[in-house]
Amino acid sequence: MKLPKNVLWFEVLLYLSLALDALSVAFQDRTPSAQMTESMITVATVIAACLILLLVYFVWLAAQRRKNWPRWALVASLVLSVISLVQIIGDGGLQLDSGIEIVSCALTAAADGGRAVFFLYRRRARLVQRVANLHARHSGFAAVRRPGMTAVR
């Protein structure tokens, strides 16, 4: 089955974002310290890898199986990523790993934001059509019920 172009872009952008997240986890500083022992670093890395795999599965469900709930989970993960990114930049300033996270958040926002703009446009188009139909009804003219098309009889 051929995917629509916007679904393909959604999938590609989110897979790129998750690949950058995986690179970020791979190149994290794993030097043990007094606050982070070696076992804590290992557990954090495994949890991050499992979370990335879960998000890959969510992208697949949203794009290939057309499920709606994974899309909402991906939007929630974007919001949490942005909040985390703001905290990381506030604590340590702008560094290479935070730059990678910024690019990753931008790719995710482009994938989700493009869909949001599309739905906003559709909603606005429906509103314009309803106003045109309402105006035609009150002025004695009938409008054709096709989006973006009005005709006066």
N, C-alpha and C. Protein backbone atom coordinates (compact mmCIF):
# COMPACT_ATOMS: atom_id res chain seq x y z
N MET A 1 0.83 -1.18 0.00
CA MET A 1 0.00 0.00 0.00
C MET A 1 0.88 1.25 0.00
N LYS A 2 0.59 2.17 -0.88
CA LYS A 2 1.38 3.39 -0.99
C LYS A 2 0.96 4.38 0.07
N LEU A 3 1.94 4.90 0.79
CA LEU A 3 1.67 5.88 1.85
C LEU A 3 1.49 7.26 1.25
N PRO A 4 0.60 8.07 1.83
CA PRO A 4 0.51 9.47 1.40
C PRO A 4 1.82 10.20 1.72
N LYS A 5 2.07 11.26 0.99
CA LYS A 5 3.33 11.98 1.13
C LYS A 5 3.52 12.57 2.53
N ASN A 6 2.45 13.11 3.13
CA ASN A 6 2.60 13.70 4.45
C ASN A 6 2.88 12.64 5.52
N VAL A 7 2.33 11.45 5.37
CA VAL A 7 2.61 10.36 6.32
C VAL A 7 4.04 9.90 6.15
N LEU A 8 4.53 9.85 4.92
CA LEU A 8 5.91 9.46 4.67
C LEU A 8 6.88 10.46 5.31
N TRP A 9 6.60 11.76 5.14
CA TRP A 9 7.44 12.79 5.75
C TRP A 9 7.39 12.70 7.27
N PHE A 10 6.19 12.45 7.83
CA PHE A 10 6.04 12.27 9.26
C PHE A 10 6.95 11.15 9.74
N GLU A 11 6.93 10.03 9.03
CA GLU A 11 7.71 8.86 9.41
C GLU A 11 9.21 9.13 9.27
N VAL A 12 9.63 9.71 8.17
CA VAL A 12 11.05 9.96 7.92
C VAL A 12 11.61 10.95 8.94
N LEU A 13 10.89 12.04 9.20
CA LEU A 13 11.39 13.03 10.15
C LEU A 13 11.49 12.47 11.56
N LEU A 14 10.52 11.67 11.96
CA LEU A 14 10.59 11.11 13.31
C LEU A 14 11.66 10.03 13.41
N TYR A 15 11.86 9.23 12.37
CA TYR A 15 12.95 8.26 12.41
C TYR A 15 14.31 8.97 12.46
N LEU A 16 14.46 10.07 11.73
CA LEU A 16 15.70 10.85 11.81
C LEU A 16 15.91 11.41 13.21
N SER A 17 14.84 11.89 13.82
CA SER A 17 14.92 12.41 15.18
C SER A 17 15.35 11.32 16.16
N LEU A 18 14.76 10.14 16.02
CA LEU A 18 15.12 9.04 16.91
C LEU A 18 16.55 8.53 16.65
N ALA A 19 17.00 8.61 15.40
CA ALA A 19 18.39 8.23 15.11
C ALA A 19 19.35 9.21 15.78
N LEU A 20 19.02 10.50 15.76
CA LEU A 20 19.85 11.48 16.46
C LEU A 20 19.83 11.24 17.96
N ASP A 21 18.67 10.87 18.50
CA ASP A 21 18.60 10.55 19.92
C ASP A 21 19.48 9.35 20.25
N ALA A 22 19.47 8.35 19.38
CA ALA A 22 20.32 7.17 19.61
C ALA A 22 21.81 7.55 19.55
N LEU A 23 22.18 8.44 18.63
CA LEU A 23 23.56 8.91 18.57
C LEU A 23 23.92 9.69 19.83
N SER A 24 22.99 10.48 20.30
CA SER A 24 23.22 11.25 21.52
C SER A 24 23.45 10.33 22.71
N VAL A 25 22.67 9.27 22.81
CA VAL A 25 22.86 8.30 23.90
C VAL A 25 24.18 7.57 23.72
N ALA A 26 24.53 7.25 22.49
CA ALA A 26 25.77 6.50 22.24
C ALA A 26 27.01 7.30 22.62
N PHE A 27 26.97 8.62 22.43
CA PHE A 27 28.14 9.44 22.70
C PHE A 27 28.06 10.22 24.01
N GLN A 28 27.16 9.81 24.91
CA GLN A 28 27.08 10.46 26.21
C GLN A 28 28.34 10.20 27.02
N ASP A 29 28.60 11.09 27.95
CA ASP A 29 29.72 10.91 28.86
C ASP A 29 29.37 9.82 29.87
N ARG A 30 30.16 8.75 29.87
CA ARG A 30 29.88 7.63 30.78
C ARG A 30 30.98 7.49 31.84
N THR A 31 31.55 8.58 32.23
CA THR A 31 32.58 8.56 33.25
C THR A 31 31.93 8.46 34.63
N PRO A 32 32.25 7.42 35.39
CA PRO A 32 31.66 7.31 36.73
C PRO A 32 32.14 8.44 37.64
N SER A 33 31.24 8.88 38.50
CA SER A 33 31.57 9.93 39.46
C SER A 33 30.96 9.56 40.80
N ALA A 34 31.05 10.48 41.74
CA ALA A 34 30.48 10.22 43.06
C ALA A 34 28.96 10.15 43.01
N GLN A 35 28.36 10.93 42.10
CA GLN A 35 26.89 10.94 41.99
C GLN A 35 26.37 9.86 41.05
N MET A 36 27.16 9.44 40.09
CA MET A 36 26.74 8.42 39.11
C MET A 36 27.72 7.26 39.11
N THR A 37 27.29 6.14 39.65
CA THR A 37 28.15 4.96 39.63
C THR A 37 28.07 4.29 38.26
N GLU A 38 28.92 3.31 38.05
CA GLU A 38 28.96 2.62 36.76
C GLU A 38 27.66 1.86 36.48
N SER A 39 27.09 1.26 37.51
CA SER A 39 25.84 0.53 37.31
C SER A 39 24.67 1.48 37.03
N MET A 40 24.67 2.65 37.62
CA MET A 40 23.62 3.64 37.33
C MET A 40 23.71 4.12 35.89
N ILE A 41 24.92 4.31 35.41
CA ILE A 41 25.12 4.74 34.02
C ILE A 41 24.63 3.66 33.06
N THR A 42 24.92 2.40 33.38
CA THR A 42 24.48 1.29 32.53
C THR A 42 22.96 1.20 32.50
N VAL A 43 22.33 1.32 33.65
CA VAL A 43 20.87 1.26 33.72
C VAL A 43 20.25 2.43 32.95
N ALA A 44 20.80 3.62 33.10
CA ALA A 44 20.27 4.79 32.37
C ALA A 44 20.40 4.60 30.86
N THR A 45 21.51 4.02 30.42
CA THR A 45 21.71 3.79 28.98
C THR A 45 20.73 2.75 28.45
N VAL A 46 20.51 1.69 29.21
CA VAL A 46 19.56 0.64 28.78
C VAL A 46 18.13 1.20 28.75
N ILE A 47 17.76 1.99 29.73
CA ILE A 47 16.43 2.59 29.75
C ILE A 47 16.25 3.53 28.56
N ALA A 48 17.28 4.34 28.26
CA ALA A 48 17.20 5.25 27.11
C ALA A 48 17.05 4.46 25.80
N ALA A 49 17.79 3.36 25.68
CA ALA A 49 17.69 2.53 24.46
C ALA A 49 16.29 1.91 24.34
N CYS A 50 15.75 1.42 25.45
CA CYS A 50 14.40 0.84 25.42
C CYS A 50 13.36 1.89 25.08
N LEU A 51 13.52 3.10 25.60
CA LEU A 51 12.58 4.18 25.29
C LEU A 51 12.64 4.56 23.81
N ILE A 52 13.83 4.59 23.24
CA ILE A 52 13.97 4.88 21.81
C ILE A 52 13.30 3.80 20.98
N LEU A 53 13.50 2.54 21.35
CA LEU A 53 12.83 1.44 20.63
C LEU A 53 11.31 1.52 20.75
N LEU A 54 10.82 1.91 21.92
CA LEU A 54 9.38 2.08 22.11
C LEU A 54 8.85 3.20 21.22
N LEU A 55 9.59 4.30 21.11
CA LEU A 55 9.16 5.40 20.26
C LEU A 55 9.22 5.02 18.77
N VAL A 56 10.19 4.19 18.39
CA VAL A 56 10.23 3.68 17.01
C VAL A 56 8.97 2.87 16.72
N TYR A 57 8.57 2.06 17.69
CA TYR A 57 7.34 1.27 17.54
C TYR A 57 6.12 2.19 17.44
N PHE A 58 6.09 3.27 18.23
CA PHE A 58 4.98 4.23 18.15
C PHE A 58 4.92 4.90 16.78
N VAL A 59 6.08 5.26 16.23
CA VAL A 59 6.11 5.87 14.90
C VAL A 59 5.58 4.88 13.87
N TRP A 60 5.99 3.64 13.97
CA TRP A 60 5.50 2.62 13.04
C TRP A 60 3.98 2.44 13.17
N LEU A 61 3.49 2.40 14.41
CA LEU A 61 2.03 2.27 14.60
C LEU A 61 1.28 3.47 14.02
N ALA A 62 1.81 4.66 14.24
CA ALA A 62 1.13 5.87 13.77
C ALA A 62 1.17 5.97 12.25
N ALA A 63 2.30 5.62 11.64
CA ALA A 63 2.45 5.80 10.20
C ALA A 63 1.90 4.62 9.40
N GLN A 64 2.24 3.41 9.79
CA GLN A 64 1.86 2.25 9.01
C GLN A 64 0.49 1.70 9.36
N ARG A 65 0.17 1.66 10.64
CA ARG A 65 -1.11 1.10 11.08
C ARG A 65 -2.18 2.15 11.30
N ARG A 66 -1.80 3.44 11.14
CA ARG A 66 -2.73 4.57 11.25
C ARG A 66 -3.47 4.63 12.59
N LYS A 67 -2.78 4.30 13.66
CA LYS A 67 -3.36 4.38 14.99
C LYS A 67 -3.22 5.82 15.49
N ASN A 68 -4.21 6.27 16.25
CA ASN A 68 -4.20 7.66 16.72
C ASN A 68 -3.50 7.82 18.06
N TRP A 69 -3.65 6.86 18.97
CA TRP A 69 -3.07 7.03 20.29
C TRP A 69 -1.55 7.12 20.28
N PRO A 70 -0.81 6.46 19.37
CA PRO A 70 0.65 6.67 19.37
C PRO A 70 1.02 8.09 18.95
N ARG A 71 0.20 8.71 18.12
CA ARG A 71 0.47 10.10 17.73
C ARG A 71 0.42 11.01 18.95
N TRP A 72 -0.59 10.78 19.80
CA TRP A 72 -0.70 11.59 21.01
C TRP A 72 0.47 11.29 21.95
N ALA A 73 0.89 10.05 22.02
CA ALA A 73 2.04 9.70 22.86
C ALA A 73 3.31 10.38 22.32
N LEU A 74 3.45 10.46 21.00
CA LEU A 74 4.61 11.13 20.41
C LEU A 74 4.58 12.64 20.67
N VAL A 75 3.39 13.23 20.63
CA VAL A 75 3.27 14.65 20.95
C VAL A 75 3.63 14.88 22.42
N ALA A 76 3.16 14.00 23.30
CA ALA A 76 3.50 14.11 24.72
C ALA A 76 5.01 13.97 24.93
N SER A 77 5.64 13.05 24.20
CA SER A 77 7.09 12.90 24.33
C SER A 77 7.82 14.13 23.81
N LEU A 78 7.29 14.79 22.78
CA LEU A 78 7.88 16.03 22.29
C LEU A 78 7.81 17.11 23.36
N VAL A 79 6.67 17.23 24.01
CA VAL A 79 6.51 18.25 25.06
C VAL A 79 7.49 17.98 26.20
N LEU A 80 7.58 16.71 26.62
CA LEU A 80 8.52 16.37 27.68
C LEU A 80 9.97 16.59 27.25
N SER A 81 10.28 16.33 25.99
CA SER A 81 11.64 16.56 25.48
C SER A 81 12.00 18.04 25.49
N VAL A 82 11.05 18.87 25.12
CA VAL A 82 11.31 20.32 25.11
C VAL A 82 11.52 20.82 26.54
N ILE A 83 10.68 20.36 27.47
CA ILE A 83 10.85 20.75 28.88
C ILE A 83 12.22 20.31 29.39
N SER A 84 12.60 19.07 29.10
CA SER A 84 13.90 18.56 29.52
C SER A 84 15.04 19.34 28.87
N LEU A 85 14.88 19.68 27.60
CA LEU A 85 15.92 20.42 26.89
C LEU A 85 16.12 21.81 27.50
N VAL A 86 15.03 22.47 27.85
CA VAL A 86 15.13 23.79 28.48
C VAL A 86 15.88 23.69 29.81
N GLN A 87 15.59 22.64 30.58
CA GLN A 87 16.28 22.46 31.85
C GLN A 87 17.76 22.15 31.64
N ILE A 88 18.08 21.33 30.65
CA ILE A 88 19.49 20.98 30.38
C ILE A 88 20.27 22.21 29.94
N ILE A 89 19.69 23.01 29.05
CA ILE A 89 20.37 24.22 28.58
C ILE A 89 20.51 25.21 29.72
N GLY A 90 19.50 25.30 30.59
CA GLY A 90 19.57 26.20 31.74
C GLY A 90 20.66 25.80 32.72
N ASP A 91 20.87 24.50 32.91
CA ASP A 91 21.88 24.03 33.86
C ASP A 91 23.30 24.09 33.30
N GLY A 92 23.49 23.59 32.09
CA GLY A 92 24.84 23.45 31.57
C GLY A 92 25.18 24.34 30.39
N GLY A 93 24.25 25.12 29.93
CA GLY A 93 24.51 25.95 28.76
C GLY A 93 24.40 25.14 27.47
N LEU A 94 24.69 25.81 26.38
CA LEU A 94 24.58 25.17 25.07
C LEU A 94 25.87 24.40 24.78
N GLN A 95 25.75 23.08 24.64
CA GLN A 95 26.89 22.23 24.35
C GLN A 95 26.56 21.38 23.13
N LEU A 96 27.50 20.52 22.74
CA LEU A 96 27.29 19.69 21.55
C LEU A 96 26.10 18.76 21.71
N ASP A 97 26.00 18.08 22.86
CA ASP A 97 24.89 17.15 23.04
C ASP A 97 23.55 17.86 23.14
N SER A 98 23.53 19.07 23.71
CA SER A 98 22.27 19.81 23.73
C SER A 98 21.93 20.34 22.33
N GLY A 99 22.95 20.60 21.52
CA GLY A 99 22.71 20.99 20.12
C GLY A 99 22.08 19.85 19.33
N ILE A 100 22.55 18.63 19.58
CA ILE A 100 21.95 17.46 18.93
C ILE A 100 20.50 17.31 19.37
N GLU A 101 20.23 17.54 20.65
CA GLU A 101 18.86 17.45 21.16
C GLU A 101 17.97 18.54 20.56
N ILE A 102 18.52 19.72 20.32
CA ILE A 102 17.75 20.80 19.68
C ILE A 102 17.35 20.39 18.27
N VAL A 103 18.30 19.83 17.52
CA VAL A 103 17.99 19.37 16.16
C VAL A 103 16.94 18.26 16.19
N SER A 104 17.07 17.35 17.15
CA SER A 104 16.12 16.25 17.29
C SER A 104 14.72 16.78 17.60
N CYS A 105 14.63 17.74 18.52
CA CYS A 105 13.32 18.34 18.84
C CYS A 105 12.76 19.10 17.64
N ALA A 106 13.63 19.75 16.88
CA ALA A 106 13.16 20.48 15.70
C ALA A 106 12.60 19.51 14.66
N LEU A 107 13.26 18.37 14.45
CA LEU A 107 12.74 17.38 13.50
C LEU A 107 11.40 16.83 13.96
N THR A 108 11.29 16.55 15.26
CA THR A 108 10.03 16.03 15.79
C THR A 108 8.94 17.08 15.66
N ALA A 109 9.27 18.33 15.97
CA ALA A 109 8.28 19.40 15.85
C ALA A 109 7.87 19.60 14.40
N ALA A 110 8.82 19.44 13.47
CA ALA A 110 8.47 19.58 12.05
C ALA A 110 7.51 18.48 11.64
N ALA A 111 7.73 17.27 12.12
CA ALA A 111 6.83 16.17 11.78
C ALA A 111 5.45 16.37 12.40
N ASP A 112 5.42 16.71 13.68
CA ASP A 112 4.14 16.92 14.35
C ASP A 112 3.53 18.27 13.99
N GLY A 113 4.36 19.30 13.87
CA GLY A 113 3.87 20.63 13.57
C GLY A 113 3.28 20.74 12.19
N GLY A 114 3.86 20.02 11.23
CA GLY A 114 3.30 20.03 9.88
C GLY A 114 1.89 19.49 9.87
N ARG A 115 1.68 18.47 10.66
CA ARG A 115 0.34 17.90 10.76
C ARG A 115 -0.61 18.89 11.44
N ALA A 116 -0.09 19.60 12.47
CA ALA A 116 -0.93 20.56 13.17
C ALA A 116 -1.33 21.72 12.24
N VAL A 117 -0.38 22.19 11.43
CA VAL A 117 -0.70 23.27 10.48
C VAL A 117 -1.72 22.79 9.46
N PHE A 118 -1.57 21.53 9.00
CA PHE A 118 -2.53 20.98 8.05
C PHE A 118 -3.94 20.95 8.64
N PHE A 119 -4.05 20.48 9.91
CA PHE A 119 -5.37 20.43 10.53
C PHE A 119 -5.91 21.82 10.80
N LEU A 120 -5.02 22.77 11.14
CA LEU A 120 -5.46 24.15 11.34
C LEU A 120 -6.02 24.69 10.03
N TYR A 121 -5.34 24.44 8.92
CA TYR A 121 -5.82 24.91 7.63
C TYR A 121 -7.17 24.27 7.30
N ARG A 122 -7.29 22.97 7.54
CA ARG A 122 -8.57 22.29 7.26
C ARG A 122 -9.68 22.87 8.11
N ARG A 123 -9.39 23.15 9.39
CA ARG A 123 -10.39 23.70 10.27
C ARG A 123 -10.80 25.10 9.80
N ARG A 124 -9.80 25.89 9.39
CA ARG A 124 -10.09 27.24 8.91
C ARG A 124 -10.89 27.19 7.61
N ALA A 125 -10.56 26.25 6.73
CA ALA A 125 -11.29 26.11 5.47
C ALA A 125 -12.75 25.74 5.75
N ARG A 126 -12.97 24.84 6.72
CA ARG A 126 -14.34 24.48 7.07
C ARG A 126 -15.09 25.67 7.65
N LEU A 127 -14.39 26.48 8.47
CA LEU A 127 -15.02 27.66 9.06
C LEU A 127 -15.41 28.65 7.97
N VAL A 128 -14.52 28.87 7.00
CA VAL A 128 -14.83 29.78 5.90
C VAL A 128 -16.03 29.26 5.11
N GLN A 129 -16.08 27.96 4.88
CA GLN A 129 -17.20 27.38 4.15
C GLN A 129 -18.50 27.55 4.93
N ARG A 130 -18.47 27.34 6.24
CA ARG A 130 -19.68 27.51 7.05
C ARG A 130 -20.17 28.95 7.03
N VAL A 131 -19.22 29.89 7.12
CA VAL A 131 -19.61 31.31 7.07
C VAL A 131 -20.22 31.62 5.71
N ALA A 132 -19.65 31.10 4.63
CA ALA A 132 -20.19 31.34 3.30
C ALA A 132 -21.58 30.73 3.17
N ASN A 133 -21.78 29.53 3.71
CA ASN A 133 -23.10 28.90 3.66
C ASN A 133 -24.12 29.67 4.48
N LEU A 134 -23.69 30.15 5.66
CA LEU A 134 -24.58 30.93 6.51
C LEU A 134 -24.96 32.23 5.82
N HIS A 135 -23.98 32.88 5.22
CA HIS A 135 -24.26 34.13 4.51
C HIS A 135 -25.20 33.88 3.34
N ALA A 136 -24.98 32.82 2.60
CA ALA A 136 -25.84 32.51 1.45
C ALA A 136 -27.26 32.17 1.91
N ARG A 137 -27.39 31.50 3.02
CA ARG A 137 -28.71 31.14 3.52
C ARG A 137 -29.50 32.38 3.92
N HIS A 138 -28.83 33.33 4.57
CA HIS A 138 -29.53 34.53 5.03
C HIS A 138 -29.75 35.55 3.93
N SER A 139 -28.97 35.47 2.86
CA SER A 139 -29.15 36.43 1.79
C SER A 139 -30.03 35.90 0.66
N GLY A 140 -30.51 34.68 0.80
CA GLY A 140 -31.42 34.14 -0.20
C GLY A 140 -30.73 33.33 -1.28
N PHE A 141 -29.43 33.22 -1.24
CA PHE A 141 -28.70 32.44 -2.23
C PHE A 141 -28.25 31.13 -1.60
N ALA A 142 -28.14 30.10 -2.41
CA ALA A 142 -27.68 28.80 -1.91
C ALA A 142 -26.24 28.58 -2.36
N ALA A 143 -25.44 28.05 -1.49
CA ALA A 143 -24.03 27.78 -1.81
C ALA A 143 -23.86 26.29 -2.07
N VAL A 144 -22.99 25.98 -3.00
CA VAL A 144 -22.67 24.59 -3.27
C VAL A 144 -21.90 24.04 -2.07
N ARG A 145 -22.15 22.82 -1.70
CA ARG A 145 -21.56 22.25 -0.49
C ARG A 145 -20.20 21.58 -0.77
N ARG A 146 -19.35 22.26 -1.48
CA ARG A 146 -18.01 21.75 -1.74
C ARG A 146 -17.02 22.69 -1.07
N PRO A 147 -16.05 22.17 -0.33
CA PRO A 147 -15.08 23.03 0.36
C PRO A 147 -14.36 23.94 -0.61
N GLY A 148 -14.34 25.21 -0.29
CA GLY A 148 -13.64 26.18 -1.10
C GLY A 148 -14.40 26.63 -2.33
N MET A 149 -15.56 26.06 -2.58
CA MET A 149 -16.32 26.42 -3.78
C MET A 149 -17.69 26.93 -3.36
N THR A 150 -18.01 28.12 -3.75
CA THR A 150 -19.36 28.65 -3.53
C THR A 150 -19.90 29.10 -4.87
N ALA A 151 -21.14 28.89 -5.05
CA ALA A 151 -21.78 29.29 -6.30
C ALA A 151 -23.12 29.94 -5.98
N VAL A 152 -23.42 30.96 -6.71
CA VAL A 152 -24.67 31.68 -6.49
C VAL A 152 -25.65 31.24 -7.58
N ARG A 153 -26.85 30.87 -7.13
CA ARG A 153 -27.87 30.47 -8.12
C ARG A 153 -28.84 31.59 -8.33
